[in-house]
Full PDB file with SEQRES, HELIX, SHEET, SSBOND, CRYST1, ORIGX, SCALE, CONECT and MASTER records, all heavy atoms in Angstrom:
SEQRES   1 A   38  VAL ARG SER THR PRO VAL ARG VAL ILE GLU SER GLN VAL          
SEQRES   2 A   38  LEU LEU ASP GLY SER ARG GLU LEU VAL ILE ALA HIS GLN          
SEQRES   3 A   38  GLY GLN SER TYR HIS LEU ARG LEU THR ARG ASN ASP              
HELIX    1 AA1 SER A   11  LEU A   15  1                                   5    
SHEET    1 AA1 2 GLU A  20  HIS A  25  0                                        
SHEET    2 AA1 2 GLN A  28  ARG A  33 -1                                        
CRYST1    1.000    1.000    1.000  90.00  90.00  90.00 P 1           1          
ORIGX1      1.000000  0.000000  0.000000        0.00000                         
ORIGX2      0.000000  1.000000  0.000000        0.00000                         
ORIGX3      0.000000  0.000000  1.000000        0.00000                         
SCALE1      1.000000  0.000000  0.000000        0.00000                         
SCALE2      0.000000  1.000000  0.000000        0.00000                         
SCALE3      0.000000  0.000000  1.000000        0.00000                         
ATOM      1  N   VAL A   1      53.392 -16.906 -30.542  1.00  0.00           N  
ATOM      2  CA  VAL A   1      54.401 -17.568 -29.741  1.00  0.00           C  
ATOM      3  C   VAL A   1      53.916 -17.670 -28.261  1.00  0.00           C  
ATOM      4  O   VAL A   1      54.094 -18.653 -27.568  1.00  0.00           O  
ATOM      5  CB  VAL A   1      55.785 -16.852 -29.790  1.00  0.00           C  
ATOM      6  CG1 VAL A   1      56.793 -17.412 -28.821  1.00  0.00           C  
ATOM      7  CG2 VAL A   1      56.325 -16.920 -31.192  1.00  0.00           C  
ATOM      8  N   ARG A   2      53.283 -16.588 -27.764  1.00  0.00           N  
ATOM      9  CA  ARG A   2      52.683 -16.572 -26.421  1.00  0.00           C  
ATOM     10  C   ARG A   2      51.473 -17.318 -26.375  1.00  0.00           C  
ATOM     11  O   ARG A   2      50.353 -16.766 -26.702  1.00  0.00           O  
ATOM     12  CB  ARG A   2      52.508 -15.171 -25.945  1.00  0.00           C  
ATOM     13  CG  ARG A   2      53.735 -14.406 -25.734  1.00  0.00           C  
ATOM     14  CD  ARG A   2      53.417 -12.973 -25.120  1.00  0.00           C  
ATOM     15  NE  ARG A   2      53.984 -12.105 -26.093  1.00  0.00           N  
ATOM     16  CZ  ARG A   2      53.344 -10.986 -26.598  1.00  0.00           C  
ATOM     17  NH1 ARG A   2      52.133 -10.725 -26.282  1.00  0.00           N  
ATOM     18  NH2 ARG A   2      53.951 -10.232 -27.405  1.00  0.00           N  
ATOM     19  N   SER A   3      51.399 -18.519 -25.937  1.00  0.00           N  
ATOM     20  CA  SER A   3      50.126 -19.304 -25.885  1.00  0.00           C  
ATOM     21  C   SER A   3      49.409 -19.272 -24.556  1.00  0.00           C  
ATOM     22  O   SER A   3      48.350 -19.737 -24.398  1.00  0.00           O  
ATOM     23  CB  SER A   3      50.463 -20.752 -26.272  1.00  0.00           C  
ATOM     24  OG  SER A   3      51.296 -21.373 -25.367  1.00  0.00           O  
ATOM     25  N   THR A   4      50.077 -18.702 -23.538  1.00  0.00           N  
ATOM     26  CA  THR A   4      49.535 -18.596 -22.180  1.00  0.00           C  
ATOM     27  C   THR A   4      48.532 -17.452 -22.184  1.00  0.00           C  
ATOM     28  O   THR A   4      48.882 -16.358 -22.503  1.00  0.00           O  
ATOM     29  CB  THR A   4      50.609 -18.378 -21.134  1.00  0.00           C  
ATOM     30  OG1 THR A   4      51.604 -19.390 -21.256  1.00  0.00           O  
ATOM     31  CG2 THR A   4      50.012 -18.446 -19.757  1.00  0.00           C  
ATOM     32  N   PRO A   5      47.313 -17.685 -21.744  1.00  0.00           N  
ATOM     33  CA  PRO A   5      46.331 -16.600 -21.659  1.00  0.00           C  
ATOM     34  C   PRO A   5      46.667 -15.582 -20.580  1.00  0.00           C  
ATOM     35  O   PRO A   5      47.342 -15.955 -19.583  1.00  0.00           O  
ATOM     36  CB  PRO A   5      44.978 -17.260 -21.313  1.00  0.00           C  
ATOM     37  CG  PRO A   5      45.395 -18.622 -20.805  1.00  0.00           C  
ATOM     38  CD  PRO A   5      46.675 -18.960 -21.338  1.00  0.00           C  
ATOM     39  N   VAL A   6      46.336 -14.384 -20.751  1.00  0.00           N  
ATOM     40  CA  VAL A   6      46.572 -13.293 -19.759  1.00  0.00           C  
ATOM     41  C   VAL A   6      45.627 -13.530 -18.566  1.00  0.00           C  
ATOM     42  O   VAL A   6      44.395 -13.761 -18.739  1.00  0.00           O  
ATOM     43  CB  VAL A   6      46.293 -11.953 -20.358  1.00  0.00           C  
ATOM     44  CG1 VAL A   6      46.397 -10.817 -19.344  1.00  0.00           C  
ATOM     45  CG2 VAL A   6      47.255 -11.667 -21.497  1.00  0.00           C  
ATOM     46  N   ARG A   7      46.201 -13.524 -17.351  1.00  0.00           N  
ATOM     47  CA  ARG A   7      45.333 -13.682 -16.169  1.00  0.00           C  
ATOM     48  C   ARG A   7      44.607 -12.452 -15.886  1.00  0.00           C  
ATOM     49  O   ARG A   7      45.057 -11.353 -16.026  1.00  0.00           O  
ATOM     50  CB  ARG A   7      46.225 -14.010 -14.955  1.00  0.00           C  
ATOM     51  CG  ARG A   7      46.808 -15.377 -14.991  1.00  0.00           C  
ATOM     52  CD  ARG A   7      47.679 -15.692 -13.846  1.00  0.00           C  
ATOM     53  NE  ARG A   7      47.100 -15.073 -12.606  1.00  0.00           N  
ATOM     54  CZ  ARG A   7      47.817 -14.875 -11.472  1.00  0.00           C  
ATOM     55  NH1 ARG A   7      49.060 -15.163 -11.444  1.00  0.00           N  
ATOM     56  NH2 ARG A   7      47.287 -14.311 -10.435  1.00  0.00           N  
ATOM     57  N   VAL A   8      43.298 -12.612 -15.487  1.00  0.00           N  
ATOM     58  CA  VAL A   8      42.476 -11.440 -15.131  1.00  0.00           C  
ATOM     59  C   VAL A   8      42.016 -11.671 -13.663  1.00  0.00           C  
ATOM     60  O   VAL A   8      41.558 -12.666 -13.304  1.00  0.00           O  
ATOM     61  CB  VAL A   8      41.251 -11.339 -16.031  1.00  0.00           C  
ATOM     62  CG1 VAL A   8      40.289 -10.312 -15.576  1.00  0.00           C  
ATOM     63  CG2 VAL A   8      41.651 -11.119 -17.490  1.00  0.00           C  
ATOM     64  N   ILE A   9      42.337 -10.638 -12.828  1.00  0.00           N  
ATOM     65  CA  ILE A   9      41.927 -10.667 -11.470  1.00  0.00           C  
ATOM     66  C   ILE A   9      41.100  -9.450 -11.234  1.00  0.00           C  
ATOM     67  O   ILE A   9      41.465  -8.325 -11.517  1.00  0.00           O  
ATOM     68  CB  ILE A   9      43.190 -10.652 -10.544  1.00  0.00           C  
ATOM     69  CG1 ILE A   9      44.035 -11.931 -10.814  1.00  0.00           C  
ATOM     70  CG2 ILE A   9      42.747 -10.633  -9.080  1.00  0.00           C  
ATOM     71  CD1 ILE A   9      45.326 -11.895 -10.117  1.00  0.00           C  
ATOM     72  N   GLU A  10      39.883  -9.689 -10.662  1.00  0.00           N  
ATOM     73  CA  GLU A  10      39.018  -8.552 -10.362  1.00  0.00           C  
ATOM     74  C   GLU A  10      39.643  -7.600  -9.347  1.00  0.00           C  
ATOM     75  O   GLU A  10      40.260  -8.098  -8.354  1.00  0.00           O  
ATOM     76  CB  GLU A  10      37.673  -9.043  -9.795  1.00  0.00           C  
ATOM     77  CG  GLU A  10      36.885  -9.806 -10.802  1.00  0.00           C  
ATOM     78  CD  GLU A  10      36.309  -8.887 -11.920  1.00  0.00           C  
ATOM     79  OE1 GLU A  10      36.014  -7.699 -11.611  1.00  0.00           O  
ATOM     80  OE2 GLU A  10      36.170  -9.433 -12.993  1.00  0.00           O  
ATOM     81  N   SER A  11      39.498  -6.304  -9.494  1.00  0.00           N  
ATOM     82  CA  SER A  11      40.120  -5.330  -8.571  1.00  0.00           C  
ATOM     83  C   SER A  11      39.581  -5.517  -7.162  1.00  0.00           C  
ATOM     84  O   SER A  11      40.316  -5.297  -6.196  1.00  0.00           O  
ATOM     85  CB  SER A  11      39.918  -3.908  -9.067  1.00  0.00           C  
ATOM     86  OG  SER A  11      38.495  -3.666  -9.131  1.00  0.00           O  
ATOM     87  N   GLN A  12      38.305  -5.959  -7.057  1.00  0.00           N  
ATOM     88  CA  GLN A  12      37.785  -6.138  -5.686  1.00  0.00           C  
ATOM     89  C   GLN A  12      38.470  -7.244  -4.956  1.00  0.00           C  
ATOM     90  O   GLN A  12      38.673  -7.248  -3.738  1.00  0.00           O  
ATOM     91  CB  GLN A  12      36.214  -6.532  -5.791  1.00  0.00           C  
ATOM     92  CG  GLN A  12      35.394  -5.480  -6.363  1.00  0.00           C  
ATOM     93  CD  GLN A  12      35.175  -5.620  -7.905  1.00  0.00           C  
ATOM     94  OE1 GLN A  12      36.046  -6.172  -8.536  1.00  0.00           O  
ATOM     95  NE2 GLN A  12      34.105  -5.153  -8.384  1.00  0.00           N  
ATOM     96  N   VAL A  13      38.968  -8.216  -5.700  1.00  0.00           N  
ATOM     97  CA  VAL A  13      39.720  -9.371  -5.070  1.00  0.00           C  
ATOM     98  C   VAL A  13      41.058  -8.805  -4.578  1.00  0.00           C  
ATOM     99  O   VAL A  13      41.525  -9.132  -3.495  1.00  0.00           O  
ATOM    100  CB  VAL A  13      39.866 -10.480  -6.079  1.00  0.00           C  
ATOM    101  CG1 VAL A  13      40.839 -11.564  -5.517  1.00  0.00           C  
ATOM    102  CG2 VAL A  13      38.527 -11.115  -6.445  1.00  0.00           C  
ATOM    103  N   LEU A  14      41.731  -7.964  -5.423  1.00  0.00           N  
ATOM    104  CA  LEU A  14      43.042  -7.474  -5.025  1.00  0.00           C  
ATOM    105  C   LEU A  14      42.878  -6.511  -3.820  1.00  0.00           C  
ATOM    106  O   LEU A  14      43.725  -6.628  -2.866  1.00  0.00           O  
ATOM    107  CB  LEU A  14      43.622  -6.684  -6.234  1.00  0.00           C  
ATOM    108  CG  LEU A  14      44.231  -7.449  -7.323  1.00  0.00           C  
ATOM    109  CD1 LEU A  14      44.703  -6.545  -8.437  1.00  0.00           C  
ATOM    110  CD2 LEU A  14      45.510  -8.289  -6.863  1.00  0.00           C  
ATOM    111  N   LEU A  15      41.978  -5.620  -3.847  1.00  0.00           N  
ATOM    112  CA  LEU A  15      41.851  -4.615  -2.840  1.00  0.00           C  
ATOM    113  C   LEU A  15      41.187  -5.193  -1.542  1.00  0.00           C  
ATOM    114  O   LEU A  15      41.388  -4.676  -0.472  1.00  0.00           O  
ATOM    115  CB  LEU A  15      41.036  -3.411  -3.257  1.00  0.00           C  
ATOM    116  CG  LEU A  15      41.689  -2.636  -4.410  1.00  0.00           C  
ATOM    117  CD1 LEU A  15      40.699  -1.665  -5.049  1.00  0.00           C  
ATOM    118  CD2 LEU A  15      42.873  -1.894  -3.855  1.00  0.00           C  
ATOM    119  N   ASP A  16      40.411  -6.256  -1.686  1.00  0.00           N  
ATOM    120  CA  ASP A  16      39.881  -6.932  -0.513  1.00  0.00           C  
ATOM    121  C   ASP A  16      39.184  -6.026   0.545  1.00  0.00           C  
ATOM    122  O   ASP A  16      39.417  -6.030   1.722  1.00  0.00           O  
ATOM    123  CB  ASP A  16      40.921  -7.831   0.149  1.00  0.00           C  
ATOM    124  CG  ASP A  16      40.283  -8.830   1.145  1.00  0.00           C  
ATOM    125  OD1 ASP A  16      39.175  -9.248   0.981  1.00  0.00           O  
ATOM    126  OD2 ASP A  16      41.051  -9.191   2.087  1.00  0.00           O  
ATOM    127  N   GLY A  17      38.334  -5.090  -0.038  1.00  0.00           N  
ATOM    128  CA  GLY A  17      37.652  -4.187   0.826  1.00  0.00           C  
ATOM    129  C   GLY A  17      38.365  -2.859   1.204  1.00  0.00           C  
ATOM    130  O   GLY A  17      37.794  -1.951   1.745  1.00  0.00           O  
ATOM    131  N   SER A  18      39.632  -2.846   0.868  1.00  0.00           N  
ATOM    132  CA  SER A  18      40.369  -1.548   1.188  1.00  0.00           C  
ATOM    133  C   SER A  18      40.436  -0.694  -0.019  1.00  0.00           C  
ATOM    134  O   SER A  18      39.975  -1.069  -1.093  1.00  0.00           O  
ATOM    135  CB  SER A  18      41.813  -1.876   1.651  1.00  0.00           C  
ATOM    136  OG  SER A  18      42.565  -2.385   0.630  1.00  0.00           O  
ATOM    137  N   ARG A  19      40.915   0.538   0.095  1.00  0.00           N  
ATOM    138  CA  ARG A  19      40.981   1.443  -1.062  1.00  0.00           C  
ATOM    139  C   ARG A  19      42.442   1.587  -1.583  1.00  0.00           C  
ATOM    140  O   ARG A  19      42.611   2.327  -2.524  1.00  0.00           O  
ATOM    141  CB  ARG A  19      40.443   2.802  -0.620  1.00  0.00           C  
ATOM    142  CG  ARG A  19      38.933   2.661  -0.173  1.00  0.00           C  
ATOM    143  CD  ARG A  19      38.217   3.935  -0.153  1.00  0.00           C  
ATOM    144  NE  ARG A  19      37.983   4.627  -1.403  1.00  0.00           N  
ATOM    145  CZ  ARG A  19      37.109   4.352  -2.274  1.00  0.00           C  
ATOM    146  NH1 ARG A  19      36.184   3.395  -2.150  1.00  0.00           N  
ATOM    147  NH2 ARG A  19      37.022   5.047  -3.417  1.00  0.00           N  
ATOM    148  N   GLU A  20      43.372   0.875  -0.971  1.00  0.00           N  
ATOM    149  CA  GLU A  20      44.752   0.964  -1.378  1.00  0.00           C  
ATOM    150  C   GLU A  20      45.495  -0.318  -1.060  1.00  0.00           C  
ATOM    151  O   GLU A  20      45.186  -0.920  -0.094  1.00  0.00           O  
ATOM    152  CB  GLU A  20      45.436   2.167  -0.689  1.00  0.00           C  
ATOM    153  CG  GLU A  20      46.915   2.341  -1.114  1.00  0.00           C  
ATOM    154  CD  GLU A  20      47.581   3.556  -0.483  1.00  0.00           C  
ATOM    155  OE1 GLU A  20      46.879   4.227   0.248  1.00  0.00           O  
ATOM    156  OE2 GLU A  20      48.738   3.807  -0.802  1.00  0.00           O  
ATOM    157  N   LEU A  21      46.417  -0.666  -1.968  1.00  0.00           N  
ATOM    158  CA  LEU A  21      47.320  -1.742  -1.657  1.00  0.00           C  
ATOM    159  C   LEU A  21      48.667  -1.458  -2.230  1.00  0.00           C  
ATOM    160  O   LEU A  21      48.853  -0.546  -3.044  1.00  0.00           O  
ATOM    161  CB  LEU A  21      46.856  -3.102  -2.261  1.00  0.00           C  
ATOM    162  CG  LEU A  21      46.764  -3.306  -3.718  1.00  0.00           C  
ATOM    163  CD1 LEU A  21      48.101  -3.785  -4.281  1.00  0.00           C  
ATOM    164  CD2 LEU A  21      45.734  -4.348  -4.073  1.00  0.00           C  
ATOM    165  N   VAL A  22      49.692  -2.141  -1.612  1.00  0.00           N  
ATOM    166  CA  VAL A  22      51.095  -1.855  -2.127  1.00  0.00           C  
ATOM    167  C   VAL A  22      51.580  -3.144  -2.923  1.00  0.00           C  
ATOM    168  O   VAL A  22      51.416  -4.218  -2.391  1.00  0.00           O  
ATOM    169  CB  VAL A  22      51.994  -1.555  -0.917  1.00  0.00           C  
ATOM    170  CG1 VAL A  22      53.502  -1.448  -1.383  1.00  0.00           C  
ATOM    171  CG2 VAL A  22      51.549  -0.327  -0.151  1.00  0.00           C  
ATOM    172  N   ILE A  23      52.124  -2.913  -4.027  1.00  0.00           N  
ATOM    173  CA  ILE A  23      52.651  -3.963  -4.838  1.00  0.00           C  
ATOM    174  C   ILE A  23      54.200  -3.861  -4.785  1.00  0.00           C  
ATOM    175  O   ILE A  23      54.698  -2.755  -5.133  1.00  0.00           O  
ATOM    176  CB  ILE A  23      52.212  -3.857  -6.315  1.00  0.00           C  
ATOM    177  CG1 ILE A  23      50.605  -3.933  -6.350  1.00  0.00           C  
ATOM    178  CG2 ILE A  23      52.818  -4.979  -7.172  1.00  0.00           C  
ATOM    179  CD1 ILE A  23      50.065  -3.606  -7.745  1.00  0.00           C  
ATOM    180  N   ALA A  24      54.848  -4.900  -4.349  1.00  0.00           N  
ATOM    181  CA  ALA A  24      56.285  -4.903  -4.259  1.00  0.00           C  
ATOM    182  C   ALA A  24      56.783  -5.520  -5.622  1.00  0.00           C  
ATOM    183  O   ALA A  24      56.383  -6.583  -5.936  1.00  0.00           O  
ATOM    184  CB  ALA A  24      56.822  -5.751  -3.147  1.00  0.00           C  
ATOM    185  N   HIS A  25      57.693  -4.755  -6.309  1.00  0.00           N  
ATOM    186  CA  HIS A  25      58.217  -5.216  -7.593  1.00  0.00           C  
ATOM    187  C   HIS A  25      59.720  -4.783  -7.693  1.00  0.00           C  
ATOM    188  O   HIS A  25      59.997  -3.584  -7.674  1.00  0.00           O  
ATOM    189  CB  HIS A  25      57.428  -4.631  -8.741  1.00  0.00           C  
ATOM    190  CG  HIS A  25      57.951  -4.979 -10.119  1.00  0.00           C  
ATOM    191  ND1 HIS A  25      57.875  -6.283 -10.635  1.00  0.00           N  
ATOM    192  CD2 HIS A  25      58.589  -4.216 -11.049  1.00  0.00           C  
ATOM    193  CE1 HIS A  25      58.478  -6.272 -11.760  1.00  0.00           C  
ATOM    194  NE2 HIS A  25      58.915  -5.057 -12.096  1.00  0.00           N  
ATOM    195  N   GLN A  26      60.555  -5.731  -7.744  1.00  0.00           N  
ATOM    196  CA  GLN A  26      61.996  -5.566  -7.870  1.00  0.00           C  
ATOM    197  C   GLN A  26      62.561  -4.567  -6.893  1.00  0.00           C  
ATOM    198  O   GLN A  26      63.293  -3.598  -7.202  1.00  0.00           O  
ATOM    199  CB  GLN A  26      62.362  -5.114  -9.289  1.00  0.00           C  
ATOM    200  CG  GLN A  26      62.097  -6.255 -10.326  1.00  0.00           C  
ATOM    201  CD  GLN A  26      62.463  -5.799 -11.712  1.00  0.00           C  
ATOM    202  OE1 GLN A  26      62.803  -4.677 -12.049  1.00  0.00           O  
ATOM    203  NE2 GLN A  26      62.404  -6.781 -12.626  1.00  0.00           N  
ATOM    204  N   GLY A  27      62.151  -4.727  -5.613  1.00  0.00           N  
ATOM    205  CA  GLY A  27      62.632  -3.876  -4.572  1.00  0.00           C  
ATOM    206  C   GLY A  27      61.986  -2.493  -4.439  1.00  0.00           C  
ATOM    207  O   GLY A  27      62.348  -1.716  -3.603  1.00  0.00           O  
ATOM    208  N   GLN A  28      60.998  -2.262  -5.293  1.00  0.00           N  
ATOM    209  CA  GLN A  28      60.282  -0.970  -5.295  1.00  0.00           C  
ATOM    210  C   GLN A  28      58.825  -1.226  -4.871  1.00  0.00           C  
ATOM    211  O   GLN A  28      58.318  -2.293  -5.029  1.00  0.00           O  
ATOM    212  CB  GLN A  28      60.261  -0.371  -6.713  1.00  0.00           C  
ATOM    213  CG  GLN A  28      61.575  -0.087  -7.370  1.00  0.00           C  
ATOM    214  CD  GLN A  28      62.320   1.065  -6.598  1.00  0.00           C  
ATOM    215  OE1 GLN A  28      61.696   2.115  -6.345  1.00  0.00           O  
ATOM    216  NE2 GLN A  28      63.606   0.917  -6.303  1.00  0.00           N  
ATOM    217  N   SER A  29      58.208  -0.181  -4.239  1.00  0.00           N  
ATOM    218  CA  SER A  29      56.834  -0.263  -3.833  1.00  0.00           C  
ATOM    219  C   SER A  29      55.958   0.631  -4.763  1.00  0.00           C  
ATOM    220  O   SER A  29      56.379   1.803  -5.017  1.00  0.00           O  
ATOM    221  CB  SER A  29      56.678   0.271  -2.408  1.00  0.00           C  
ATOM    222  OG  SER A  29      57.363  -0.563  -1.489  1.00  0.00           O  
ATOM    223  N   TYR A  30      54.879   0.017  -5.221  1.00  0.00           N  
ATOM    224  CA  TYR A  30      53.926   0.741  -6.076  1.00  0.00           C  
ATOM    225  C   TYR A  30      52.560   0.672  -5.318  1.00  0.00           C  
ATOM    226  O   TYR A  30      52.180  -0.326  -4.826  1.00  0.00           O  
ATOM    227  CB  TYR A  30      53.799   0.076  -7.467  1.00  0.00           C  
ATOM    228  CG  TYR A  30      55.126   0.156  -8.224  1.00  0.00           C  
ATOM    229  CD1 TYR A  30      56.110  -0.814  -7.993  1.00  0.00           C  
ATOM    230  CD2 TYR A  30      55.282   1.105  -9.129  1.00  0.00           C  
ATOM    231  CE1 TYR A  30      57.288  -0.785  -8.726  1.00  0.00           C  
ATOM    232  CE2 TYR A  30      56.439   1.192  -9.882  1.00  0.00           C  
ATOM    233  CZ  TYR A  30      57.431   0.268  -9.639  1.00  0.00           C  
ATOM    234  OH  TYR A  30      58.624   0.360 -10.398  1.00  0.00           O  
ATOM    235  N   HIS A  31      51.905   1.816  -5.326  1.00  0.00           N  
ATOM    236  CA  HIS A  31      50.597   1.940  -4.630  1.00  0.00           C  
ATOM    237  C   HIS A  31      49.435   1.954  -5.601  1.00  0.00           C  
ATOM    238  O   HIS A  31      49.469   2.755  -6.555  1.00  0.00           O  
ATOM    239  CB  HIS A  31      50.545   3.262  -3.793  1.00  0.00           C  
ATOM    240  CG  HIS A  31      51.541   3.327  -2.732  1.00  0.00           C  
ATOM    241  ND1 HIS A  31      51.199   3.063  -1.391  1.00  0.00           N  
ATOM    242  CD2 HIS A  31      52.898   3.499  -2.764  1.00  0.00           C  
ATOM    243  CE1 HIS A  31      52.293   3.140  -0.699  1.00  0.00           C  
ATOM    244  NE2 HIS A  31      53.284   3.420  -1.436  1.00  0.00           N  
ATOM    245  N   LEU A  32      48.540   0.976  -5.470  1.00  0.00           N  
ATOM    246  CA  LEU A  32      47.372   0.939  -6.240  1.00  0.00           C  
ATOM    247  C   LEU A  32      46.269   1.491  -5.399  1.00  0.00           C  
ATOM    248  O   LEU A  32      45.949   0.915  -4.382  1.00  0.00           O  
ATOM    249  CB  LEU A  32      47.073  -0.549  -6.682  1.00  0.00           C  
ATOM    250  CG  LEU A  32      45.834  -0.705  -7.580  1.00  0.00           C  
ATOM    251  CD1 LEU A  32      46.055  -0.037  -8.940  1.00  0.00           C  
ATOM    252  CD2 LEU A  32      45.546  -2.189  -7.786  1.00  0.00           C  
ATOM    253  N   ARG A  33      45.643   2.593  -5.833  1.00  0.00           N  
ATOM    254  CA  ARG A  33      44.591   3.274  -5.089  1.00  0.00           C  
ATOM    255  C   ARG A  33      43.241   3.324  -5.892  1.00  0.00           C  
ATOM    256  O   ARG A  33      43.301   3.478  -7.127  1.00  0.00           O  
ATOM    257  CB  ARG A  33      44.978   4.710  -4.799  1.00  0.00           C  
ATOM    258  CG  ARG A  33      46.147   4.837  -3.841  1.00  0.00           C  
ATOM    259  CD  ARG A  33      46.458   6.264  -3.603  1.00  0.00           C  
ATOM    260  NE  ARG A  33      47.616   6.393  -2.646  1.00  0.00           N  
ATOM    261  CZ  ARG A  33      48.843   6.536  -3.020  1.00  0.00           C  
ATOM    262  NH1 ARG A  33      49.142   6.593  -4.314  1.00  0.00           N  
ATOM    263  NH2 ARG A  33      49.832   6.636  -2.128  1.00  0.00           N  
ATOM    264  N   LEU A  34      42.184   3.179  -5.170  1.00  0.00           N  
ATOM    265  CA  LEU A  34      40.780   3.300  -5.703  1.00  0.00           C  
ATOM    266  C   LEU A  34      40.356   4.690  -5.349  1.00  0.00           C  
ATOM    267  O   LEU A  34      40.315   5.005  -4.150  1.00  0.00           O  
ATOM    268  CB  LEU A  34      39.902   2.221  -5.093  1.00  0.00           C  
ATOM    269  CG  LEU A  34      38.473   2.272  -5.548  1.00  0.00           C  
ATOM    270  CD1 LEU A  34      38.430   1.964  -7.097  1.00  0.00           C  
ATOM    271  CD2 LEU A  34      37.640   1.212  -4.825  1.00  0.00           C  
ATOM    272  N   THR A  35      40.013   5.501  -6.369  1.00  0.00           N  
ATOM    273  CA  THR A  35      39.652   6.844  -6.085  1.00  0.00           C  
ATOM    274  C   THR A  35      38.225   6.972  -5.734  1.00  0.00           C  
ATOM    275  O   THR A  35      37.421   5.968  -5.776  1.00  0.00           O  
ATOM    276  CB  THR A  35      39.878   7.757  -7.342  1.00  0.00           C  
ATOM    277  OG1 THR A  35      38.962   7.352  -8.315  1.00  0.00           O  
ATOM    278  CG2 THR A  35      41.341   7.650  -7.865  1.00  0.00           C  
ATOM    279  N   ARG A  36      37.766   8.191  -5.343  1.00  0.00           N  
ATOM    280  CA  ARG A  36      36.383   8.402  -5.004  1.00  0.00           C  
ATOM    281  C   ARG A  36      35.444   8.183  -6.218  1.00  0.00           C  
ATOM    282  O   ARG A  36      34.288   7.896  -6.061  1.00  0.00           O  
ATOM    283  CB  ARG A  36      36.197   9.843  -4.482  1.00  0.00           C  
ATOM    284  CG  ARG A  36      36.634   9.966  -3.046  1.00  0.00           C  
ATOM    285  CD  ARG A  36      36.379  11.385  -2.566  1.00  0.00           C  
ATOM    286  NE  ARG A  36      37.732  11.988  -2.395  1.00  0.00           N  
ATOM    287  CZ  ARG A  36      37.922  13.285  -2.431  1.00  0.00           C  
ATOM    288  NH1 ARG A  36      37.001  14.177  -2.546  1.00  0.00           N  
ATOM    289  NH2 ARG A  36      39.139  13.712  -2.309  1.00  0.00           N  
ATOM    290  N   ASN A  37      36.068   8.321  -7.358  1.00  0.00           N  
ATOM    291  CA  ASN A  37      35.299   8.100  -8.653  1.00  0.00           C  
ATOM    292  C   ASN A  37      35.364   6.691  -9.197  1.00  0.00           C  
ATOM    293  O   ASN A  37      35.134   6.473 -10.357  1.00  0.00           O  
ATOM    294  CB  ASN A  37      35.768   9.156  -9.710  1.00  0.00           C  
ATOM    295  CG  ASN A  37      35.474  10.598  -9.253  1.00  0.00           C  
ATOM    296  OD1 ASN A  37      34.485  10.845  -8.654  1.00  0.00           O  
ATOM    297  ND2 ASN A  37      36.342  11.490  -9.618  1.00  0.00           N  
ATOM    298  N   ASP A  38      35.869   5.769  -8.335  1.00  0.00           N  
ATOM    299  CA  ASP A  38      36.035   4.386  -8.720  1.00  0.00           C  
ATOM    300  C   ASP A  38      36.970   4.187  -9.858  1.00  0.00           C  
ATOM    301  O   ASP A  38      36.755   3.288 -10.732  1.00  0.00           O  
ATOM    302  CB  ASP A  38      34.703   3.768  -9.023  1.00  0.00           C  
ATOM    303  CG  ASP A  38      33.845   3.481  -7.735  1.00  0.00           C  
ATOM    304  OD1 ASP A  38      34.459   3.277  -6.663  1.00  0.00           O  
ATOM    305  OD2 ASP A  38      32.606   3.554  -7.804  1.00  0.00           O  
TER     306      ASP A  38                                                      
MASTER        0    0    0    1    2    0    0    6  305    1    0    3          
END                                                                             
């Protein structure tokens, strides 16, 4: 039933040179962090 392909975005594009970003979702903040071990 789901004919739309899943989007893939490289983590480097999301982080844009930083090691952390905040994702806002339904009024909540989620932190995506890149660790020392990648």
